[in-house]
PDB file of all heavy atoms in Angstrom:
ATOM      1  N   GLU A   1       0.847  -1.228   0.043  1.00  0.00           N
ATOM      2  CA  GLU A   1       0.014  -0.041  -0.029  1.00  0.00           C
ATOM      3  C   GLU A   1       0.847   1.254   0.000  1.00  0.00           C
ATOM      4  O   GLU A   1       0.548   2.207  -0.737  1.00  0.00           O
ATOM      5  CB  GLU A   1      -0.893   0.032   1.175  1.00  0.00           C
ATOM      6  CG  GLU A   1      -2.359  -0.286   0.980  1.00  0.00           C
ATOM      7  CD  GLU A   1      -3.150  -0.192   2.280  1.00  0.00           C
ATOM      8  OE1 GLU A   1      -3.425   0.914   2.699  1.00  0.00           O
ATOM      9  OE2 GLU A   1      -3.483  -1.271   2.730  1.00  0.00           O
ATOM     10  N   LEU A   2       1.907   1.257   0.805  1.00  0.00           N
ATOM     11  CA  LEU A   2       2.810   2.389   0.856  1.00  0.00           C
ATOM     12  C   LEU A   2       3.473   2.658  -0.454  1.00  0.00           C
ATOM     13  O   LEU A   2       3.641   3.802  -0.917  1.00  0.00           O
ATOM     14  CB  LEU A   2       3.839   2.245   1.991  1.00  0.00           C
ATOM     15  CG  LEU A   2       3.370   2.237   3.403  1.00  0.00           C
ATOM     16  CD1 LEU A   2       4.446   1.781   4.321  1.00  0.00           C
ATOM     17  CD2 LEU A   2       2.834   3.569   3.797  1.00  0.00           C
ATOM     18  N   ARG A   3       3.932   1.576  -1.058  1.00  0.00           N
ATOM     19  CA  ARG A   3       4.591   1.684  -2.399  1.00  0.00           C
ATOM     20  C   ARG A   3       3.711   2.297  -3.388  1.00  0.00           C
ATOM     21  O   ARG A   3       4.020   3.139  -4.173  1.00  0.00           O
ATOM     22  CB  ARG A   3       5.119   0.297  -2.785  1.00  0.00           C
ATOM     23  CG  ARG A   3       5.855   0.389  -4.111  1.00  0.00           C
ATOM     24  CD  ARG A   3       6.414  -0.911  -4.472  1.00  0.00           C
ATOM     25  NE  ARG A   3       7.183  -0.801  -5.717  1.00  0.00           N
ATOM     26  CZ  ARG A   3       7.897  -1.765  -6.270  1.00  0.00           C
ATOM     27  NH1 ARG A   3       7.921  -2.945  -5.690  1.00  0.00           N
ATOM     28  NH2 ARG A   3       8.503  -1.597  -7.378  1.00  0.00           N
ATOM     29  N   GLN A   4       2.425   1.831  -3.452  1.00  0.00           N
ATOM     30  CA  GLN A   4       1.450   2.314  -4.413  1.00  0.00           C
ATOM     31  C   GLN A   4       1.156   3.781  -4.189  1.00  0.00           C
ATOM     32  O   GLN A   4       1.071   4.564  -5.130  1.00  0.00           O
ATOM     33  CB  GLN A   4       0.181   1.451  -4.400  1.00  0.00           C
ATOM     34  CG  GLN A   4      -0.743   1.804  -5.544  1.00  0.00           C
ATOM     35  CD  GLN A   4      -0.136   1.684  -6.904  1.00  0.00           C
ATOM     36  OE1 GLN A   4       0.377   0.596  -7.234  1.00  0.00           O
ATOM     37  NE2 GLN A   4      -0.243   2.733  -7.702  1.00  0.00           N
ATOM     38  N   ALA A   5       1.004   4.113  -2.935  1.00  0.00           N
ATOM     39  CA  ALA A   5       0.716   5.557  -2.598  1.00  0.00           C
ATOM     40  C   ALA A   5       1.871   6.473  -3.048  1.00  0.00           C
ATOM     41  O   ALA A   5       1.702   7.578  -3.573  1.00  0.00           O
ATOM     42  CB  ALA A   5       0.477   5.710  -1.068  1.00  0.00           C
ATOM     43  N   LEU A   6       3.131   5.995  -2.805  1.00  0.00           N
ATOM     44  CA  LEU A   6       4.281   6.749  -3.204  1.00  0.00           C
ATOM     45  C   LEU A   6       4.378   6.918  -4.711  1.00  0.00           C
ATOM     46  O   LEU A   6       4.643   7.993  -5.269  1.00  0.00           O
ATOM     47  CB  LEU A   6       5.566   6.057  -2.674  1.00  0.00           C
ATOM     48  CG  LEU A   6       6.841   6.789  -2.738  1.00  0.00           C
ATOM     49  CD1 LEU A   6       6.782   8.104  -1.990  1.00  0.00           C
ATOM     50  CD2 LEU A   6       8.007   5.954  -2.165  1.00  0.00           C
ATOM     51  N   LEU A   7       4.089   5.815  -5.472  1.00  0.00           N
ATOM     52  CA  LEU A   7       4.095   5.911  -6.903  1.00  0.00           C
ATOM     53  C   LEU A   7       3.005   6.881  -7.411  1.00  0.00           C
ATOM     54  O   LEU A   7       3.234   7.619  -8.328  1.00  0.00           O
ATOM     55  CB  LEU A   7       3.849   4.523  -7.543  1.00  0.00           C
ATOM     56  CG  LEU A   7       5.114   3.693  -7.903  1.00  0.00           C
ATOM     57  CD1 LEU A   7       4.748   2.260  -8.281  1.00  0.00           C
ATOM     58  CD2 LEU A   7       5.888   4.399  -8.981  1.00  0.00           C
ATOM     59  N   ASP A   8       1.801   6.795  -6.786  1.00  0.00           N
ATOM     60  CA  ASP A   8       0.727   7.666  -7.191  1.00  0.00           C
ATOM     61  C   ASP A   8       1.157   9.108  -6.985  1.00  0.00           C
ATOM     62  O   ASP A   8       0.962   9.948  -7.885  1.00  0.00           O
ATOM     63  CB  ASP A   8      -0.555   7.311  -6.456  1.00  0.00           C
ATOM     64  CG  ASP A   8      -1.189   6.023  -6.836  1.00  0.00           C
ATOM     65  OD1 ASP A   8      -0.818   5.458  -7.876  1.00  0.00           O
ATOM     66  OD2 ASP A   8      -2.059   5.525  -6.111  1.00  0.00           O
ATOM     67  N   ALA A   9       1.749   9.421  -5.903  1.00  0.00           N
ATOM     68  CA  ALA A   9       2.173  10.820  -5.633  1.00  0.00           C
ATOM     69  C   ALA A   9       3.209  11.227  -6.550  1.00  0.00           C
ATOM     70  O   ALA A   9       3.247  12.392  -7.046  1.00  0.00           O
ATOM     71  CB  ALA A   9       2.697  10.874  -4.135  1.00  0.00           C
ATOM     72  N   GLN A  10       4.180  10.341  -6.919  1.00  0.00           N
ATOM     73  CA  GLN A  10       5.194  10.647  -7.889  1.00  0.00           C
ATOM     74  C   GLN A  10       4.588  11.017  -9.242  1.00  0.00           C
ATOM     75  O   GLN A  10       4.965  12.018  -9.822  1.00  0.00           O
ATOM     76  CB  GLN A  10       6.200   9.463  -7.988  1.00  0.00           C
ATOM     77  CG  GLN A  10       7.310   9.792  -9.003  1.00  0.00           C
ATOM     78  CD  GLN A  10       8.163   8.537  -9.314  1.00  0.00           C
ATOM     79  OE1 GLN A  10       7.819   7.409  -8.997  1.00  0.00           O
ATOM     80  NE2 GLN A  10       9.301   8.850  -9.879  1.00  0.00           N
ATOM     81  N   PHE A  11       3.667  10.185  -9.725  1.00  0.00           N
ATOM     82  CA  PHE A  11       3.079  10.451 -11.043  1.00  0.00           C
ATOM     83  C   PHE A  11       2.253  11.703 -10.958  1.00  0.00           C
ATOM     84  O   PHE A  11       2.219  12.450 -12.004  1.00  0.00           O
ATOM     85  CB  PHE A  11       2.280   9.233 -11.461  1.00  0.00           C
ATOM     86  CG  PHE A  11       3.089   8.029 -11.887  1.00  0.00           C
ATOM     87  CD1 PHE A  11       2.817   6.774 -11.461  1.00  0.00           C
ATOM     88  CD2 PHE A  11       4.210   8.224 -12.651  1.00  0.00           C
ATOM     89  CE1 PHE A  11       3.557   5.670 -11.813  1.00  0.00           C
ATOM     90  CE2 PHE A  11       5.025   7.113 -13.025  1.00  0.00           C
ATOM     91  CZ  PHE A  11       4.640   5.833 -12.590  1.00  0.00           C
ATOM     92  N   ASP A  12       1.515  11.961  -9.882  1.00  0.00           N
ATOM     93  CA  ASP A  12       0.735  13.198  -9.788  1.00  0.00           C
ATOM     94  C   ASP A  12       1.636  14.386  -9.885  1.00  0.00           C
ATOM     95  O   ASP A  12       1.306  15.460 -10.587  1.00  0.00           O
ATOM     96  CB  ASP A  12      -0.044  13.247  -8.499  1.00  0.00           C
ATOM     97  CG  ASP A  12      -1.234  12.218  -8.509  1.00  0.00           C
ATOM     98  OD1 ASP A  12      -1.545  11.693  -9.609  1.00  0.00           O
ATOM     99  OD2 ASP A  12      -1.774  11.990  -7.378  1.00  0.00           O
ATOM    100  N   LEU A  13       2.737  14.352  -9.172  1.00  0.00           N
ATOM    101  CA  LEU A  13       3.692  15.479  -9.197  1.00  0.00           C
ATOM    102  C   LEU A  13       4.365  15.630 -10.593  1.00  0.00           C
ATOM    103  O   LEU A  13       4.465  16.780 -11.002  1.00  0.00           O
ATOM    104  CB  LEU A  13       4.813  15.252  -8.160  1.00  0.00           C
ATOM    105  CG  LEU A  13       4.406  15.565  -6.719  1.00  0.00           C
ATOM    106  CD1 LEU A  13       5.484  15.074  -5.770  1.00  0.00           C
ATOM    107  CD2 LEU A  13       4.161  17.100  -6.537  1.00  0.00           C
ATOM    108  N   ALA A  14       4.726  14.569 -11.223  1.00  0.00           N
ATOM    109  CA  ALA A  14       5.314  14.613 -12.484  1.00  0.00           C
ATOM    110  C   ALA A  14       4.328  15.169 -13.561  1.00  0.00           C
ATOM    111  O   ALA A  14       4.721  15.929 -14.430  1.00  0.00           O
ATOM    112  CB  ALA A  14       5.846  13.215 -12.950  1.00  0.00           C
ATOM    113  N   GLU A  15       3.058  14.771 -13.394  1.00  0.00           N
ATOM    114  CA  GLU A  15       2.019  15.221 -14.372  1.00  0.00           C
ATOM    115  C   GLU A  15       1.747  16.712 -14.208  1.00  0.00           C
ATOM    116  O   GLU A  15       1.545  17.428 -15.128  1.00  0.00           O
ATOM    117  CB  GLU A  15       0.772  14.404 -14.141  1.00  0.00           C
ATOM    118  CG  GLU A  15      -0.134  14.271 -15.283  1.00  0.00           C
ATOM    119  CD  GLU A  15      -1.206  13.269 -14.962  1.00  0.00           C
ATOM    120  OE1 GLU A  15      -1.053  12.104 -15.074  1.00  0.00           O
ATOM    121  OE2 GLU A  15      -2.305  13.768 -14.586  1.00  0.00           O
ATOM    122  N   SER A  16       1.765  17.178 -12.944  1.00  0.00           N
ATOM    123  CA  SER A  16       1.367  18.619 -12.725  1.00  0.00           C
ATOM    124  C   SER A  16       2.555  19.574 -13.103  1.00  0.00           C
ATOM    125  O   SER A  16       2.295  20.690 -13.454  1.00  0.00           O
ATOM    126  CB  SER A  16       1.006  18.806 -11.239  1.00  0.00           C
ATOM    127  OG  SER A  16       2.137  18.717 -10.402  1.00  0.00           O
ATOM    128  N   ARG A  17       3.745  19.019 -13.002  1.00  0.00           N
ATOM    129  CA  ARG A  17       4.932  19.813 -13.373  1.00  0.00           C
ATOM    130  C   ARG A  17       5.112  21.113 -12.695  1.00  0.00           C
ATOM    131  O   ARG A  17       5.738  22.075 -13.160  1.00  0.00           O
ATOM    132  CB  ARG A  17       5.071  19.996 -14.892  1.00  0.00           C
ATOM    133  CG  ARG A  17       5.213  18.700 -15.679  1.00  0.00           C
ATOM    134  CD  ARG A  17       5.300  19.054 -17.155  1.00  0.00           C
ATOM    135  NE  ARG A  17       5.319  17.839 -17.885  1.00  0.00           N
ATOM    136  CZ  ARG A  17       6.337  17.301 -18.373  1.00  0.00           C
ATOM    137  NH1 ARG A  17       7.534  17.809 -18.165  1.00  0.00           N
ATOM    138  NH2 ARG A  17       6.282  16.151 -19.103  1.00  0.00           N
ATOM    139  N   ASN A  18       4.476  21.403 -11.528  1.00  0.00           N
ATOM    140  CA  ASN A  18       4.583  22.634 -10.818  1.00  0.00           C
ATOM    141  C   ASN A  18       5.299  22.512  -9.533  1.00  0.00           C
ATOM    142  O   ASN A  18       5.438  23.559  -8.839  1.00  0.00           O
ATOM    143  CB  ASN A  18       3.154  23.243 -10.662  1.00  0.00           C
ATOM    144  CG  ASN A  18       2.298  22.469  -9.694  1.00  0.00           C
ATOM    145  OD1 ASN A  18       2.657  21.324  -9.290  1.00  0.00           O
ATOM    146  ND2 ASN A  18       1.183  22.981  -9.334  1.00  0.00           N
ATOM    147  N   ARG A  19       5.817  21.358  -9.183  1.00  0.00           N
ATOM    148  CA  ARG A  19       6.586  21.198  -7.961  1.00  0.00           C
ATOM    149  C   ARG A  19       7.610  20.133  -8.113  1.00  0.00           C
ATOM    150  O   ARG A  19       7.476  19.206  -8.908  1.00  0.00           O
ATOM    151  CB  ARG A  19       5.673  20.778  -6.790  1.00  0.00           C
ATOM    152  CG  ARG A  19       4.746  21.908  -6.349  1.00  0.00           C
ATOM    153  CD  ARG A  19       4.245  21.593  -4.932  1.00  0.00           C
ATOM    154  NE  ARG A  19       3.613  22.656  -4.356  1.00  0.00           N
ATOM    155  CZ  ARG A  19       2.371  23.101  -4.705  1.00  0.00           C
ATOM    156  NH1 ARG A  19       1.757  22.548  -5.699  1.00  0.00           N
ATOM    157  NH2 ARG A  19       1.837  24.103  -4.032  1.00  0.00           N
ATOM    158  N   ALA A  20       8.662  20.294  -7.342  1.00  0.00           N
ATOM    159  CA  ALA A  20       9.694  19.292  -7.308  1.00  0.00           C
ATOM    160  C   ALA A  20       9.944  18.933  -5.888  1.00  0.00           C
ATOM    161  O   ALA A  20       9.625  19.764  -4.970  1.00  0.00           O
ATOM    162  CB  ALA A  20      10.978  19.749  -7.972  1.00  0.00           C
ATOM    163  N   ILE A  21      10.394  17.752  -5.659  1.00  0.00           N
ATOM    164  CA  ILE A  21      10.766  17.320  -4.304  1.00  0.00           C
ATOM    165  C   ILE A  21      12.262  17.073  -4.161  1.00  0.00           C
ATOM    166  O   ILE A  21      12.858  16.414  -5.105  1.00  0.00           O
ATOM    167  CB  ILE A  21       9.983  16.019  -3.913  1.00  0.00           C
ATOM    168  CG1 ILE A  21       8.561  16.327  -3.841  1.00  0.00           C
ATOM    169  CG2 ILE A  21      10.493  15.482  -2.591  1.00  0.00           C
ATOM    170  CD1 ILE A  21       7.656  15.190  -3.511  1.00  0.00           C
ATOM    171  N   LEU A  22      12.869  17.557  -3.192  1.00  0.00           N
ATOM    172  CA  LEU A  22      14.272  17.391  -2.966  1.00  0.00           C
ATOM    173  C   LEU A  22      14.435  16.577  -1.674  1.00  0.00           C
ATOM    174  O   LEU A  22      13.856  16.933  -0.635  1.00  0.00           O
ATOM    175  CB  LEU A  22      14.985  18.741  -2.773  1.00  0.00           C
ATOM    176  CG  LEU A  22      16.435  18.744  -2.366  1.00  0.00           C
ATOM    177  CD1 LEU A  22      17.296  18.185  -3.487  1.00  0.00           C
ATOM    178  CD2 LEU A  22      16.857  20.198  -2.023  1.00  0.00           C
ATOM    179  N   ILE A  23      15.183  15.475  -1.769  1.00  0.00           N
ATOM    180  CA  ILE A  23      15.408  14.676  -0.628  1.00  0.00           C
ATOM    181  C   ILE A  23      16.965  14.670  -0.367  1.00  0.00           C
ATOM    182  O   ILE A  23      17.722  14.270  -1.263  1.00  0.00           O
ATOM    183  CB  ILE A  23      14.967  13.189  -0.777  1.00  0.00           C
ATOM    184  CG1 ILE A  23      13.433  13.177  -1.070  1.00  0.00           C
ATOM    185  CG2 ILE A  23      15.333  12.340   0.361  1.00  0.00           C
ATOM    186  CD1 ILE A  23      12.941  11.837  -1.482  1.00  0.00           C
ATOM    187  N   LEU A  24      17.344  15.148   0.805  1.00  0.00           N
ATOM    188  CA  LEU A  24      18.773  15.078   1.125  1.00  0.00           C
ATOM    189  C   LEU A  24      19.008  13.951   2.102  1.00  0.00           C
ATOM    190  O   LEU A  24      18.406  13.809   3.121  1.00  0.00           O
ATOM    191  CB  LEU A  24      19.145  16.394   1.852  1.00  0.00           C
ATOM    192  CG  LEU A  24      18.962  17.694   1.044  1.00  0.00           C
ATOM    193  CD1 LEU A  24      19.284  18.889   1.945  1.00  0.00           C
ATOM    194  CD2 LEU A  24      19.795  17.699  -0.202  1.00  0.00           C
ATOM    195  N   LEU A  25      19.986  13.175   1.742  1.00  0.00           N
ATOM    196  CA  LEU A  25      20.433  12.054   2.594  1.00  0.00           C
ATOM    197  C   LEU A  25      21.813  12.389   3.069  1.00  0.00           C
ATOM    198  O   LEU A  25      22.739  12.616   2.265  1.00  0.00           O
ATOM    199  CB  LEU A  25      20.436  10.732   1.829  1.00  0.00           C
ATOM    200  CG  LEU A  25      19.164  10.224   1.251  1.00  0.00           C
ATOM    201  CD1 LEU A  25      19.335   8.927   0.504  1.00  0.00           C
ATOM    202  CD2 LEU A  25      18.124  10.002   2.398  1.00  0.00           C
ATOM    203  N   ASN A  26      22.024  12.448   4.332  1.00  0.00           N
ATOM    204  CA  ASN A  26      23.304  12.821   4.918  1.00  0.00           C
ATOM    205  C   ASN A  26      23.572  11.932   6.136  1.00  0.00           C
ATOM    206  O   ASN A  26      22.659  11.579   6.879  1.00  0.00           O
ATOM    207  CB  ASN A  26      23.301  14.281   5.303  1.00  0.00           C
ATOM    208  CG  ASN A  26      24.729  14.728   5.621  1.00  0.00           C
ATOM    209  OD1 ASN A  26      25.704  14.120   5.431  1.00  0.00           O
ATOM    210  ND2 ASN A  26      24.771  15.955   6.283  1.00  0.00           N
ATOM    211  N   GLY A  27      24.762  11.618   6.328  1.00  0.00           N
ATOM    212  CA  GLY A  27      25.181  10.830   7.481  1.00  0.00           C
ATOM    213  C   GLY A  27      26.483  10.195   7.334  1.00  0.00           C
ATOM    214  O   GLY A  27      27.118  10.249   6.196  1.00  0.00           O
ATOM    215  N   PRO A  28      27.091   9.662   8.389  1.00  0.00           N
ATOM    216  CA  PRO A  28      28.366   9.013   8.290  1.00  0.00           C
ATOM    217  C   PRO A  28      28.323   7.714   7.438  1.00  0.00           C
ATOM    218  O   PRO A  28      27.232   7.165   7.200  1.00  0.00           O
ATOM    219  CB  PRO A  28      28.665   8.731   9.724  1.00  0.00           C
ATOM    220  CG  PRO A  28      27.407   8.604  10.463  1.00  0.00           C
ATOM    221  CD  PRO A  28      26.466   9.624   9.711  1.00  0.00           C
ATOM    222  N   ASP A  29      29.460   7.308   7.044  1.00  0.00           N
ATOM    223  CA  ASP A  29      29.553   6.006   6.316  1.00  0.00           C
ATOM    224  C   ASP A  29      28.870   4.952   7.136  1.00  0.00           C
ATOM    225  O   ASP A  29      29.095   4.893   8.362  1.00  0.00           O
ATOM    226  CB  ASP A  29      30.970   5.671   5.940  1.00  0.00           C
ATOM    227  CG  ASP A  29      31.573   6.590   4.899  1.00  0.00           C
ATOM    228  OD1 ASP A  29      30.818   7.271   4.197  1.00  0.00           O
ATOM    229  OD2 ASP A  29      32.815   6.529   4.749  1.00  0.00           O
ATOM    230  N   GLY A  30      28.180   4.020   6.490  1.00  0.00           N
ATOM    231  CA  GLY A  30      27.559   2.941   7.167  1.00  0.00           C
ATOM    232  C   GLY A  30      26.266   3.309   7.903  1.00  0.00           C
ATOM    233  O   GLY A  30      25.683   2.462   8.615  1.00  0.00           O
ATOM    234  N   SER A  31      25.667   4.503   7.645  1.00  0.00           N
ATOM    235  CA  SER A  31      24.428   4.913   8.336  1.00  0.00           C
ATOM    236  C   SER A  31      23.206   4.464   7.565  1.00  0.00           C
ATOM    237  O   SER A  31      22.124   4.670   8.067  1.00  0.00           O
ATOM    238  CB  SER A  31      24.456   6.344   8.569  1.00  0.00           C
ATOM    239  OG  SER A  31      24.492   7.082   7.303  1.00  0.00           O
ATOM    240  N   GLY A  32      23.324   3.895   6.409  1.00  0.00           N
ATOM    241  CA  GLY A  32      22.156   3.421   5.639  1.00  0.00           C
ATOM    242  C   GLY A  32      21.697   4.309   4.546  1.00  0.00           C
ATOM    243  O   GLY A  32      20.573   4.076   3.993  1.00  0.00           O
ATOM    244  N   LYS A  33      22.491   5.351   4.176  1.00  0.00           N
ATOM    245  CA  LYS A  33      22.096   6.184   3.048  1.00  0.00           C
ATOM    246  C   LYS A  33      21.877   5.414   1.775  1.00  0.00           C
ATOM    247  O   LYS A  33      20.937   5.664   1.068  1.00  0.00           O
ATOM    248  CB  LYS A  33      23.177   7.320   2.872  1.00  0.00           C
ATOM    249  CG  LYS A  33      23.368   8.208   4.059  1.00  0.00           C
ATOM    250  CD  LYS A  33      24.474   9.262   3.744  1.00  0.00           C
ATOM    251  CE  LYS A  33      25.803   8.691   3.339  1.00  0.00           C
ATOM    252  NZ  LYS A  33      26.582   8.087   4.401  1.00  0.00           N
ATOM    253  N   GLY A  34      22.774   4.540   1.485  1.00  0.00           N
ATOM    254  CA  GLY A  34      22.748   3.768   0.244  1.00  0.00           C
ATOM    255  C   GLY A  34      21.502   2.876   0.258  1.00  0.00           C
ATOM    256  O   GLY A  34      20.844   2.702  -0.817  1.00  0.00           O
ATOM    257  N   GLU A  35      21.178   2.261   1.410  1.00  0.00           N
ATOM    258  CA  GLU A  35      19.975   1.419   1.473  1.00  0.00           C
ATOM    259  C   GLU A  35      18.708   2.196   1.236  1.00  0.00           C
ATOM    260  O   GLU A  35      17.827   1.790   0.538  1.00  0.00           O
ATOM    261  CB  GLU A  35      19.962   0.789   2.864  1.00  0.00           C
ATOM    262  CG  GLU A  35      18.851  -0.187   3.026  1.00  0.00           C
ATOM    263  CD  GLU A  35      18.902  -0.909   4.410  1.00  0.00           C
ATOM    264  OE1 GLU A  35      20.019  -0.938   5.056  1.00  0.00           O
ATOM    265  OE2 GLU A  35      17.839  -1.331   4.841  1.00  0.00           O
ATOM    266  N   VAL A  36      18.645   3.421   1.794  1.00  0.00           N
ATOM    267  CA  VAL A  36      17.489   4.266   1.548  1.00  0.00           C
ATOM    268  C   VAL A  36      17.376   4.618   0.084  1.00  0.00           C
ATOM    269  O   VAL A  36      16.271   4.590  -0.509  1.00  0.00           O
ATOM    270  CB  VAL A  36      17.509   5.523   2.429  1.00  0.00           C
ATOM    271  CG1 VAL A  36      16.477   6.512   2.070  1.00  0.00           C
ATOM    272  CG2 VAL A  36      17.389   5.139   3.959  1.00  0.00           C
TER     273      VAL A  36
END
């Protein structure tokens, strides 16, 4: 359910073309940034 909701939100944003989302991942090596 979470995955589908995230995909729906992504497609809605891409379709509207009026907003972008920026996600910053920061942390020390081994903190899980790559996994996220």
